[in-house]
Amino acid sequence: DNYKLRNYKVVIIHGIGTGIVRKA
């Protein structure tokens, strides 16, 4: 979606927790 909108820098907030979501 952001590629199509020409947003070439984005942030993904995955949290810290156990790291499972960050690894995914």
mmCIF file of all heavy atoms, coordinates in Angstrom:
data_MODEL
# 
_entry.id   MODEL 
# 
loop_
_atom_site.group_PDB 
_atom_site.id 
_atom_site.type_symbol 
_atom_site.label_atom_id 
_atom_site.label_alt_id 
_atom_site.label_comp_id 
_atom_site.label_asym_id 
_atom_site.label_entity_id 
_atom_site.label_seq_id 
_atom_site.pdbx_PDB_ins_code 
_atom_site.Cartn_x 
_atom_site.Cartn_y 
_atom_site.Cartn_z 
_atom_site.occupancy 
_atom_site.B_iso_or_equiv 
_atom_site.pdbx_formal_charge 
_atom_site.auth_seq_id 
_atom_site.auth_comp_id 
_atom_site.auth_asym_id 
_atom_site.auth_atom_id 
_atom_site.pdbx_PDB_model_num 
ATOM 1   N N   . ASP A 1 1  ? 0.830  -1.210  0.000  1.00 0.00 ? 1  ASP A N   1 
ATOM 2   C CA  . ASP A 1 1  ? 0.000  0.000   0.000  1.00 0.00 ? 1  ASP A CA  1 
ATOM 3   C C   . ASP A 1 1  ? 0.865  1.261   0.000  1.00 0.00 ? 1  ASP A C   1 
ATOM 4   O O   . ASP A 1 1  ? 0.592  2.209   -0.741 1.00 0.00 ? 1  ASP A O   1 
ATOM 5   C CB  . ASP A 1 1  ? -0.929 0.024   1.212  1.00 0.00 ? 1  ASP A CB  1 
ATOM 6   C CG  . ASP A 1 1  ? -2.051 -1.007  1.130  1.00 0.00 ? 1  ASP A CG  1 
ATOM 7   O OD1 . ASP A 1 1  ? -2.257 -1.584  0.039  1.00 0.00 ? 1  ASP A OD1 1 
ATOM 8   O OD2 . ASP A 1 1  ? -2.694 -1.248  2.172  1.00 0.00 ? 1  ASP A OD2 1 
ATOM 9   N N   . ASN A 1 2  ? 1.898  1.277   0.821  1.00 0.00 ? 2  ASN A N   1 
ATOM 10  C CA  . ASN A 1 2  ? 2.743  2.462   0.899  1.00 0.00 ? 2  ASN A CA  1 
ATOM 11  C C   . ASN A 1 2  ? 3.624  2.627   -0.333 1.00 0.00 ? 2  ASN A C   1 
ATOM 12  O O   . ASN A 1 2  ? 3.941  3.753   -0.714 1.00 0.00 ? 2  ASN A O   1 
ATOM 13  C CB  . ASN A 1 2  ? 3.568  2.455   2.187  1.00 0.00 ? 2  ASN A CB  1 
ATOM 14  C CG  . ASN A 1 2  ? 2.734  2.941   3.340  1.00 0.00 ? 2  ASN A CG  1 
ATOM 15  O OD1 . ASN A 1 2  ? 2.505  4.130   3.482  1.00 0.00 ? 2  ASN A OD1 1 
ATOM 16  N ND2 . ASN A 1 2  ? 2.239  2.007   4.136  1.00 0.00 ? 2  ASN A ND2 1 
ATOM 17  N N   . TYR A 1 3  ? 3.991  1.538   -0.967 1.00 0.00 ? 3  TYR A N   1 
ATOM 18  C CA  . TYR A 1 3  ? 4.703  1.631   -2.242 1.00 0.00 ? 3  TYR A CA  1 
ATOM 19  C C   . TYR A 1 3  ? 3.805  2.324   -3.274 1.00 0.00 ? 3  TYR A C   1 
ATOM 20  O O   . TYR A 1 3  ? 4.243  3.233   -3.978 1.00 0.00 ? 3  TYR A O   1 
ATOM 21  C CB  . TYR A 1 3  ? 5.121  0.251   -2.732 1.00 0.00 ? 3  TYR A CB  1 
ATOM 22  C CG  . TYR A 1 3  ? 5.684  0.278   -4.122 1.00 0.00 ? 3  TYR A CG  1 
ATOM 23  C CD1 . TYR A 1 3  ? 6.986  0.719   -4.343 1.00 0.00 ? 3  TYR A CD1 1 
ATOM 24  C CD2 . TYR A 1 3  ? 4.913  -0.095  -5.215 1.00 0.00 ? 3  TYR A CD2 1 
ATOM 25  C CE1 . TYR A 1 3  ? 7.504  0.782   -5.631 1.00 0.00 ? 3  TYR A CE1 1 
ATOM 26  C CE2 . TYR A 1 3  ? 5.421  -0.043  -6.496 1.00 0.00 ? 3  TYR A CE2 1 
ATOM 27  C CZ  . TYR A 1 3  ? 6.717  0.397   -6.699 1.00 0.00 ? 3  TYR A CZ  1 
ATOM 28  O OH  . TYR A 1 3  ? 7.212  0.471   -7.972 1.00 0.00 ? 3  TYR A OH  1 
ATOM 29  N N   . LYS A 1 4  ? 2.560  1.903   -3.333 1.00 0.00 ? 4  LYS A N   1 
ATOM 30  C CA  . LYS A 1 4  ? 1.613  2.495   -4.287 1.00 0.00 ? 4  LYS A CA  1 
ATOM 31  C C   . LYS A 1 4  ? 1.356  3.969   -3.987 1.00 0.00 ? 4  LYS A C   1 
ATOM 32  O O   . LYS A 1 4  ? 1.145  4.769   -4.886 1.00 0.00 ? 4  LYS A O   1 
ATOM 33  C CB  . LYS A 1 4  ? 0.292  1.727   -4.271 1.00 0.00 ? 4  LYS A CB  1 
ATOM 34  C CG  . LYS A 1 4  ? 0.395  0.347   -4.880 1.00 0.00 ? 4  LYS A CG  1 
ATOM 35  C CD  . LYS A 1 4  ? -0.928 -0.383  -4.776 1.00 0.00 ? 4  LYS A CD  1 
ATOM 36  C CE  . LYS A 1 4  ? -0.852 -1.767  -5.365 1.00 0.00 ? 4  LYS A CE  1 
ATOM 37  N NZ  . LYS A 1 4  ? -2.123 -2.506  -5.196 1.00 0.00 ? 4  LYS A NZ  1 
ATOM 38  N N   . LEU A 1 5  ? 1.373  4.320   -2.701 1.00 0.00 ? 5  LEU A N   1 
ATOM 39  C CA  . LEU A 1 5  ? 1.160  5.705   -2.287 1.00 0.00 ? 5  LEU A CA  1 
ATOM 40  C C   . LEU A 1 5  ? 2.441  6.546   -2.364 1.00 0.00 ? 5  LEU A C   1 
ATOM 41  O O   . LEU A 1 5  ? 2.416  7.729   -2.054 1.00 0.00 ? 5  LEU A O   1 
ATOM 42  C CB  . LEU A 1 5  ? 0.610  5.744   -0.858 1.00 0.00 ? 5  LEU A CB  1 
ATOM 43  C CG  . LEU A 1 5  ? -0.808 5.209   -0.681 1.00 0.00 ? 5  LEU A CG  1 
ATOM 44  C CD1 . LEU A 1 5  ? -1.137 5.058   0.800  1.00 0.00 ? 5  LEU A CD1 1 
ATOM 45  C CD2 . LEU A 1 5  ? -1.799 6.120   -1.366 1.00 0.00 ? 5  LEU A CD2 1 
ATOM 46  N N   . ARG A 1 6  ? 3.545  5.909   -2.722 1.00 0.00 ? 6  ARG A N   1 
ATOM 47  C CA  . ARG A 1 6  ? 4.862  6.559   -2.828 1.00 0.00 ? 6  ARG A CA  1 
ATOM 48  C C   . ARG A 1 6  ? 5.374  7.088   -1.492 1.00 0.00 ? 6  ARG A C   1 
ATOM 49  O O   . ARG A 1 6  ? 6.011  8.126   -1.420 1.00 0.00 ? 6  ARG A O   1 
ATOM 50  C CB  . ARG A 1 6  ? 4.835  7.655   -3.884 1.00 0.00 ? 6  ARG A CB  1 
ATOM 51  C CG  . ARG A 1 6  ? 4.556  7.095   -5.250 1.00 0.00 ? 6  ARG A CG  1 
ATOM 52  C CD  . ARG A 1 6  ? 4.602  8.123   -6.302 1.00 0.00 ? 6  ARG A CD  1 
ATOM 53  N NE  . ARG A 1 6  ? 4.354  7.461   -7.590 1.00 0.00 ? 6  ARG A NE  1 
ATOM 54  C CZ  . ARG A 1 6  ? 4.268  8.080   -8.719 1.00 0.00 ? 6  ARG A CZ  1 
ATOM 55  N NH1 . ARG A 1 6  ? 4.416  9.388   -8.769 1.00 0.00 ? 6  ARG A NH1 1 
ATOM 56  N NH2 . ARG A 1 6  ? 4.046  7.426   -9.831 1.00 0.00 ? 6  ARG A NH2 1 
ATOM 57  N N   . ASN A 1 7  ? 5.062  6.349   -0.437 1.00 0.00 ? 7  ASN A N   1 
ATOM 58  C CA  . ASN A 1 7  ? 5.654  6.605   0.882  1.00 0.00 ? 7  ASN A CA  1 
ATOM 59  C C   . ASN A 1 7  ? 6.853  5.674   0.995  1.00 0.00 ? 7  ASN A C   1 
ATOM 60  O O   . ASN A 1 7  ? 6.672  4.466   1.135  1.00 0.00 ? 7  ASN A O   1 
ATOM 61  C CB  . ASN A 1 7  ? 4.660  6.300   2.003  1.00 0.00 ? 7  ASN A CB  1 
ATOM 62  C CG  . ASN A 1 7  ? 3.464  7.205   1.976  1.00 0.00 ? 7  ASN A CG  1 
ATOM 63  O OD1 . ASN A 1 7  ? 3.577  8.379   1.660  1.00 0.00 ? 7  ASN A OD1 1 
ATOM 64  N ND2 . ASN A 1 7  ? 2.302  6.673   2.294  1.00 0.00 ? 7  ASN A ND2 1 
ATOM 65  N N   . TYR A 1 8  ? 8.032  6.209   0.917  1.00 0.00 ? 8  TYR A N   1 
ATOM 66  C CA  . TYR A 1 8  ? 9.216  5.361   0.818  1.00 0.00 ? 8  TYR A CA  1 
ATOM 67  C C   . TYR A 1 8  ? 9.913  5.108   2.158  1.00 0.00 ? 8  TYR A C   1 
ATOM 68  O O   . TYR A 1 8  ? 10.942 4.447   2.200  1.00 0.00 ? 8  TYR A O   1 
ATOM 69  C CB  . TYR A 1 8  ? 10.189 5.941   -0.203 1.00 0.00 ? 8  TYR A CB  1 
ATOM 70  C CG  . TYR A 1 8  ? 9.551  6.014   -1.578 1.00 0.00 ? 8  TYR A CG  1 
ATOM 71  C CD1 . TYR A 1 8  ? 9.404  7.210   -2.245 1.00 0.00 ? 8  TYR A CD1 1 
ATOM 72  C CD2 . TYR A 1 8  ? 9.039  4.864   -2.184 1.00 0.00 ? 8  TYR A CD2 1 
ATOM 73  C CE1 . TYR A 1 8  ? 8.805  7.265   -3.492 1.00 0.00 ? 8  TYR A CE1 1 
ATOM 74  C CE2 . TYR A 1 8  ? 8.429  4.902   -3.417 1.00 0.00 ? 8  TYR A CE2 1 
ATOM 75  C CZ  . TYR A 1 8  ? 8.317  6.105   -4.071 1.00 0.00 ? 8  TYR A CZ  1 
ATOM 76  O OH  . TYR A 1 8  ? 7.707  6.154   -5.300 1.00 0.00 ? 8  TYR A OH  1 
ATOM 77  N N   . LYS A 1 9  ? 9.334  5.616   3.226  1.00 0.00 ? 9  LYS A N   1 
ATOM 78  C CA  . LYS A 1 9  ? 9.839  5.302   4.564  1.00 0.00 ? 9  LYS A CA  1 
ATOM 79  C C   . LYS A 1 9  ? 8.639  5.155   5.483  1.00 0.00 ? 9  LYS A C   1 
ATOM 80  O O   . LYS A 1 9  ? 7.760  6.019   5.506  1.00 0.00 ? 9  LYS A O   1 
ATOM 81  C CB  . LYS A 1 9  ? 10.766 6.409   5.063  1.00 0.00 ? 9  LYS A CB  1 
ATOM 82  C CG  . LYS A 1 9  ? 11.561 6.021   6.286  1.00 0.00 ? 9  LYS A CG  1 
ATOM 83  C CD  . LYS A 1 9  ? 12.543 7.099   6.663  1.00 0.00 ? 9  LYS A CD  1 
ATOM 84  C CE  . LYS A 1 9  ? 13.924 6.619   6.320  1.00 0.00 ? 9  LYS A CE  1 
ATOM 85  N NZ  . LYS A 1 9  ? 14.963 7.493   6.871  1.00 0.00 ? 9  LYS A NZ  1 
ATOM 86  N N   . VAL A 1 10 ? 8.582  4.029   6.205  1.00 0.00 ? 10 VAL A N   1 
ATOM 87  C CA  . VAL A 1 10 ? 7.463  3.736   7.096  1.00 0.00 ? 10 VAL A CA  1 
ATOM 88  C C   . VAL A 1 10 ? 7.975  3.142   8.401  1.00 0.00 ? 10 VAL A C   1 
ATOM 89  O O   . VAL A 1 10 ? 9.141  2.739   8.499  1.00 0.00 ? 10 VAL A O   1 
ATOM 90  C CB  . VAL A 1 10 ? 6.455  2.761   6.440  1.00 0.00 ? 10 VAL A CB  1 
ATOM 91  C CG1 . VAL A 1 10 ? 5.820  3.377   5.204  1.00 0.00 ? 10 VAL A CG1 1 
ATOM 92  C CG2 . VAL A 1 10 ? 7.104  1.438   6.107  1.00 0.00 ? 10 VAL A CG2 1 
ATOM 93  N N   . VAL A 1 11 ? 7.096  3.086   9.387  1.00 0.00 ? 11 VAL A N   1 
ATOM 94  C CA  . VAL A 1 11 ? 7.423  2.529   10.699 1.00 0.00 ? 11 VAL A CA  1 
ATOM 95  C C   . VAL A 1 11 ? 6.490  1.364   10.987 1.00 0.00 ? 11 VAL A C   1 
ATOM 96  O O   . VAL A 1 11 ? 5.277  1.465   10.781 1.00 0.00 ? 11 VAL A O   1 
ATOM 97  C CB  . VAL A 1 11 ? 7.266  3.590   11.807 1.00 0.00 ? 11 VAL A CB  1 
ATOM 98  C CG1 . VAL A 1 11 ? 7.541  2.995   13.174 1.00 0.00 ? 11 VAL A CG1 1 
ATOM 99  C CG2 . VAL A 1 11 ? 8.170  4.777   11.566 1.00 0.00 ? 11 VAL A CG2 1 
ATOM 100 N N   . ILE A 1 12 ? 7.069  0.277   11.456 1.00 0.00 ? 12 ILE A N   1 
ATOM 101 C CA  . ILE A 1 12 ? 6.271  -0.863  11.910 1.00 0.00 ? 12 ILE A CA  1 
ATOM 102 C C   . ILE A 1 12 ? 6.507  -1.005  13.408 1.00 0.00 ? 12 ILE A C   1 
ATOM 103 O O   . ILE A 1 12 ? 7.651  -1.174  13.857 1.00 0.00 ? 12 ILE A O   1 
ATOM 104 C CB  . ILE A 1 12 ? 6.651  -2.155  11.173 1.00 0.00 ? 12 ILE A CB  1 
ATOM 105 C CG1 . ILE A 1 12 ? 6.361  -1.983  9.670  1.00 0.00 ? 12 ILE A CG1 1 
ATOM 106 C CG2 . ILE A 1 12 ? 5.890  -3.339  11.750 1.00 0.00 ? 12 ILE A CG2 1 
ATOM 107 C CD1 . ILE A 1 12 ? 6.809  -3.139  8.821  1.00 0.00 ? 12 ILE A CD1 1 
ATOM 108 N N   . ILE A 1 13 ? 5.431  -0.926  14.166 1.00 0.00 ? 13 ILE A N   1 
ATOM 109 C CA  . ILE A 1 13 ? 5.503  -1.032  15.625 1.00 0.00 ? 13 ILE A CA  1 
ATOM 110 C C   . ILE A 1 13 ? 5.141  -2.464  15.999 1.00 0.00 ? 13 ILE A C   1 
ATOM 111 O O   . ILE A 1 13 ? 3.993  -2.885  15.839 1.00 0.00 ? 13 ILE A O   1 
ATOM 112 C CB  . ILE A 1 13 ? 4.530  -0.037  16.294 1.00 0.00 ? 13 ILE A CB  1 
ATOM 113 C CG1 . ILE A 1 13 ? 4.819  1.377   15.806 1.00 0.00 ? 13 ILE A CG1 1 
ATOM 114 C CG2 . ILE A 1 13 ? 4.615  -0.137  17.814 1.00 0.00 ? 13 ILE A CG2 1 
ATOM 115 C CD1 . ILE A 1 13 ? 3.708  2.365   16.092 1.00 0.00 ? 13 ILE A CD1 1 
ATOM 116 N N   . HIS A 1 14 ? 6.128  -3.213  16.449 1.00 0.00 ? 14 HIS A N   1 
ATOM 117 C CA  . HIS A 1 14 ? 5.903  -4.620  16.795 1.00 0.00 ? 14 HIS A CA  1 
ATOM 118 C C   . HIS A 1 14 ? 5.980  -4.871  18.285 1.00 0.00 ? 14 HIS A C   1 
ATOM 119 O O   . HIS A 1 14 ? 5.617  -5.931  18.752 1.00 0.00 ? 14 HIS A O   1 
ATOM 120 C CB  . HIS A 1 14 ? 6.904  -5.526  16.064 1.00 0.00 ? 14 HIS A CB  1 
ATOM 121 C CG  . HIS A 1 14 ? 8.285  -4.999  16.040 1.00 0.00 ? 14 HIS A CG  1 
ATOM 122 N ND1 . HIS A 1 14 ? 9.083  -4.936  17.154 1.00 0.00 ? 14 HIS A ND1 1 
ATOM 123 C CD2 . HIS A 1 14 ? 8.998  -4.482  15.027 1.00 0.00 ? 14 HIS A CD2 1 
ATOM 124 C CE1 . HIS A 1 14 ? 10.249 -4.410  16.820 1.00 0.00 ? 14 HIS A CE1 1 
ATOM 125 N NE2 . HIS A 1 14 ? 10.226 -4.120  15.533 1.00 0.00 ? 14 HIS A NE2 1 
ATOM 126 N N   . GLY A 1 15 ? 6.440  -3.908  19.030 1.00 0.00 ? 15 GLY A N   1 
ATOM 127 C CA  . GLY A 1 15 ? 6.592  -4.063  20.469 1.00 0.00 ? 15 GLY A CA  1 
ATOM 128 C C   . GLY A 1 15 ? 7.841  -4.863  20.821 1.00 0.00 ? 15 GLY A C   1 
ATOM 129 O O   . GLY A 1 15 ? 8.580  -5.311  19.946 1.00 0.00 ? 15 GLY A O   1 
ATOM 130 N N   . ILE A 1 16 ? 8.077  -5.025  22.094 1.00 0.00 ? 16 ILE A N   1 
ATOM 131 C CA  . ILE A 1 16 ? 9.282  -5.723  22.558 1.00 0.00 ? 16 ILE A CA  1 
ATOM 132 C C   . ILE A 1 16 ? 8.921  -7.161  22.938 1.00 0.00 ? 16 ILE A C   1 
ATOM 133 O O   . ILE A 1 16 ? 9.331  -8.093  22.280 1.00 0.00 ? 16 ILE A O   1 
ATOM 134 C CB  . ILE A 1 16 ? 9.931  -4.976  23.732 1.00 0.00 ? 16 ILE A CB  1 
ATOM 135 C CG1 . ILE A 1 16 ? 10.331 -3.565  23.268 1.00 0.00 ? 16 ILE A CG1 1 
ATOM 136 C CG2 . ILE A 1 16 ? 11.145 -5.733  24.255 1.00 0.00 ? 16 ILE A CG2 1 
ATOM 137 C CD1 . ILE A 1 16 ? 10.748 -2.645  24.368 1.00 0.00 ? 16 ILE A CD1 1 
ATOM 138 N N   . GLY A 1 17 ? 8.128  -7.341  23.954 1.00 0.00 ? 17 GLY A N   1 
ATOM 139 C CA  . GLY A 1 17 ? 7.635  -8.662  24.366 1.00 0.00 ? 17 GLY A CA  1 
ATOM 140 C C   . GLY A 1 17 ? 8.655  -9.781  24.286 1.00 0.00 ? 17 GLY A C   1 
ATOM 141 O O   . GLY A 1 17 ? 9.812  -9.626  24.663 1.00 0.00 ? 17 GLY A O   1 
ATOM 142 N N   . THR A 1 18 ? 8.233  -10.915 23.743 1.00 0.00 ? 18 THR A N   1 
ATOM 143 C CA  . THR A 1 18 ? 9.116  -12.080 23.629 1.00 0.00 ? 18 THR A CA  1 
ATOM 144 C C   . THR A 1 18 ? 9.920  -12.063 22.332 1.00 0.00 ? 18 THR A C   1 
ATOM 145 O O   . THR A 1 18 ? 10.811 -12.888 22.151 1.00 0.00 ? 18 THR A O   1 
ATOM 146 C CB  . THR A 1 18 ? 8.308  -13.388 23.676 1.00 0.00 ? 18 THR A CB  1 
ATOM 147 O OG1 . THR A 1 18 ? 7.382  -13.385 22.588 1.00 0.00 ? 18 THR A OG1 1 
ATOM 148 C CG2 . THR A 1 18 ? 7.560  -13.525 24.992 1.00 0.00 ? 18 THR A CG2 1 
ATOM 149 N N   . GLY A 1 19 ? 9.574  -11.160 21.417 1.00 0.00 ? 19 GLY A N   1 
ATOM 150 C CA  . GLY A 1 19 ? 10.304 -11.044 20.161 1.00 0.00 ? 19 GLY A CA  1 
ATOM 151 C C   . GLY A 1 19 ? 9.751  -11.876 19.023 1.00 0.00 ? 19 GLY A C   1 
ATOM 152 O O   . GLY A 1 19 ? 10.289 -11.877 17.930 1.00 0.00 ? 19 GLY A O   1 
ATOM 153 N N   . ILE A 1 20 ? 8.658  -12.586 19.256 1.00 0.00 ? 20 ILE A N   1 
ATOM 154 C CA  . ILE A 1 20 ? 8.088  -13.453 18.221 1.00 0.00 ? 20 ILE A CA  1 
ATOM 155 C C   . ILE A 1 20 ? 7.564  -12.630 17.048 1.00 0.00 ? 20 ILE A C   1 
ATOM 156 O O   . ILE A 1 20 ? 7.840  -12.943 15.889 1.00 0.00 ? 20 ILE A O   1 
ATOM 157 C CB  . ILE A 1 20 ? 6.977  -14.342 18.812 1.00 0.00 ? 20 ILE A CB  1 
ATOM 158 C CG1 . ILE A 1 20 ? 7.580  -15.341 19.797 1.00 0.00 ? 20 ILE A CG1 1 
ATOM 159 C CG2 . ILE A 1 20 ? 6.210  -15.056 17.718 1.00 0.00 ? 20 ILE A CG2 1 
ATOM 160 C CD1 . ILE A 1 20 ? 6.564  -16.109 20.608 1.00 0.00 ? 20 ILE A CD1 1 
ATOM 161 N N   . VAL A 1 21 ? 6.821  -11.570 17.336 1.00 0.00 ? 21 VAL A N   1 
ATOM 162 C CA  . VAL A 1 21 ? 6.272  -10.727 16.265 1.00 0.00 ? 21 VAL A CA  1 
ATOM 163 C C   . VAL A 1 21 ? 7.403  -10.004 15.543 1.00 0.00 ? 21 VAL A C   1 
ATOM 164 O O   . VAL A 1 21 ? 7.410  -9.910  14.320 1.00 0.00 ? 21 VAL A O   1 
ATOM 165 C CB  . VAL A 1 21 ? 5.216  -9.746  16.818 1.00 0.00 ? 21 VAL A CB  1 
ATOM 166 C CG1 . VAL A 1 21 ? 4.756  -8.770  15.747 1.00 0.00 ? 21 VAL A CG1 1 
ATOM 167 C CG2 . VAL A 1 21 ? 4.023  -10.516 17.372 1.00 0.00 ? 21 VAL A CG2 1 
ATOM 168 N N   . ARG A 1 22 ? 8.382  -9.499  16.288 1.00 0.00 ? 22 ARG A N   1 
ATOM 169 C CA  . ARG A 1 22 ? 9.518  -8.806  15.651 1.00 0.00 ? 22 ARG A CA  1 
ATOM 170 C C   . ARG A 1 22 ? 10.255 -9.740  14.694 1.00 0.00 ? 22 ARG A C   1 
ATOM 171 O O   . ARG A 1 22 ? 10.571 -9.351  13.564 1.00 0.00 ? 22 ARG A O   1 
ATOM 172 C CB  . ARG A 1 22 ? 10.501 -8.301  16.704 1.00 0.00 ? 22 ARG A CB  1 
ATOM 173 C CG  . ARG A 1 22 ? 11.666 -7.525  16.086 1.00 0.00 ? 22 ARG A CG  1 
ATOM 174 C CD  . ARG A 1 22 ? 12.736 -7.332  17.098 1.00 0.00 ? 22 ARG A CD  1 
ATOM 175 N NE  . ARG A 1 22 ? 12.830 -8.645  17.680 1.00 0.00 ? 22 ARG A NE  1 
ATOM 176 C CZ  . ARG A 1 22 ? 13.867 -9.228  18.240 1.00 0.00 ? 22 ARG A CZ  1 
ATOM 177 N NH1 . ARG A 1 22 ? 14.894 -8.664  18.373 1.00 0.00 ? 22 ARG A NH1 1 
ATOM 178 N NH2 . ARG A 1 22 ? 13.876 -10.422 18.716 1.00 0.00 ? 22 ARG A NH2 1 
ATOM 179 N N   . LYS A 1 23 ? 10.474 -10.972 15.092 1.00 0.00 ? 23 LYS A N   1 
ATOM 180 C CA  . LYS A 1 23 ? 11.149 -11.929 14.214 1.00 0.00 ? 23 LYS A CA  1 
ATOM 181 C C   . LYS A 1 23 ? 10.322 -12.210 12.965 1.00 0.00 ? 23 LYS A C   1 
ATOM 182 O O   . LYS A 1 23 ? 10.866 -12.290 11.865 1.00 0.00 ? 23 LYS A O   1 
ATOM 183 C CB  . LYS A 1 23 ? 11.432 -13.231 14.966 1.00 0.00 ? 23 LYS A CB  1 
ATOM 184 C CG  . LYS A 1 23 ? 12.520 -13.105 16.002 1.00 0.00 ? 23 LYS A CG  1 
ATOM 185 C CD  . LYS A 1 23 ? 12.691 -14.387 16.794 1.00 0.00 ? 23 LYS A CD  1 
ATOM 186 C CE  . LYS A 1 23 ? 13.640 -14.183 17.955 1.00 0.00 ? 23 LYS A CE  1 
ATOM 187 N NZ  . LYS A 1 23 ? 13.697 -15.346 18.828 1.00 0.00 ? 23 LYS A NZ  1 
ATOM 188 N N   . ALA A 1 24 ? 9.019  -12.340 13.134 1.00 0.00 ? 24 ALA A N   1 
ATOM 189 C CA  . ALA A 1 24 ? 8.134  -12.565 11.984 1.00 0.00 ? 24 ALA A CA  1 
ATOM 190 C C   . ALA A 1 24 ? 8.153  -11.367 11.045 1.00 0.00 ? 24 ALA A C   1 
ATOM 191 O O   . ALA A 1 24 ? 8.202  -11.521 9.819  1.00 0.00 ? 24 ALA A O   1 
ATOM 192 C CB  . ALA A 1 24 ? 6.711  -12.845 12.467 1.00 0.00 ? 24 ALA A CB  1 
# 
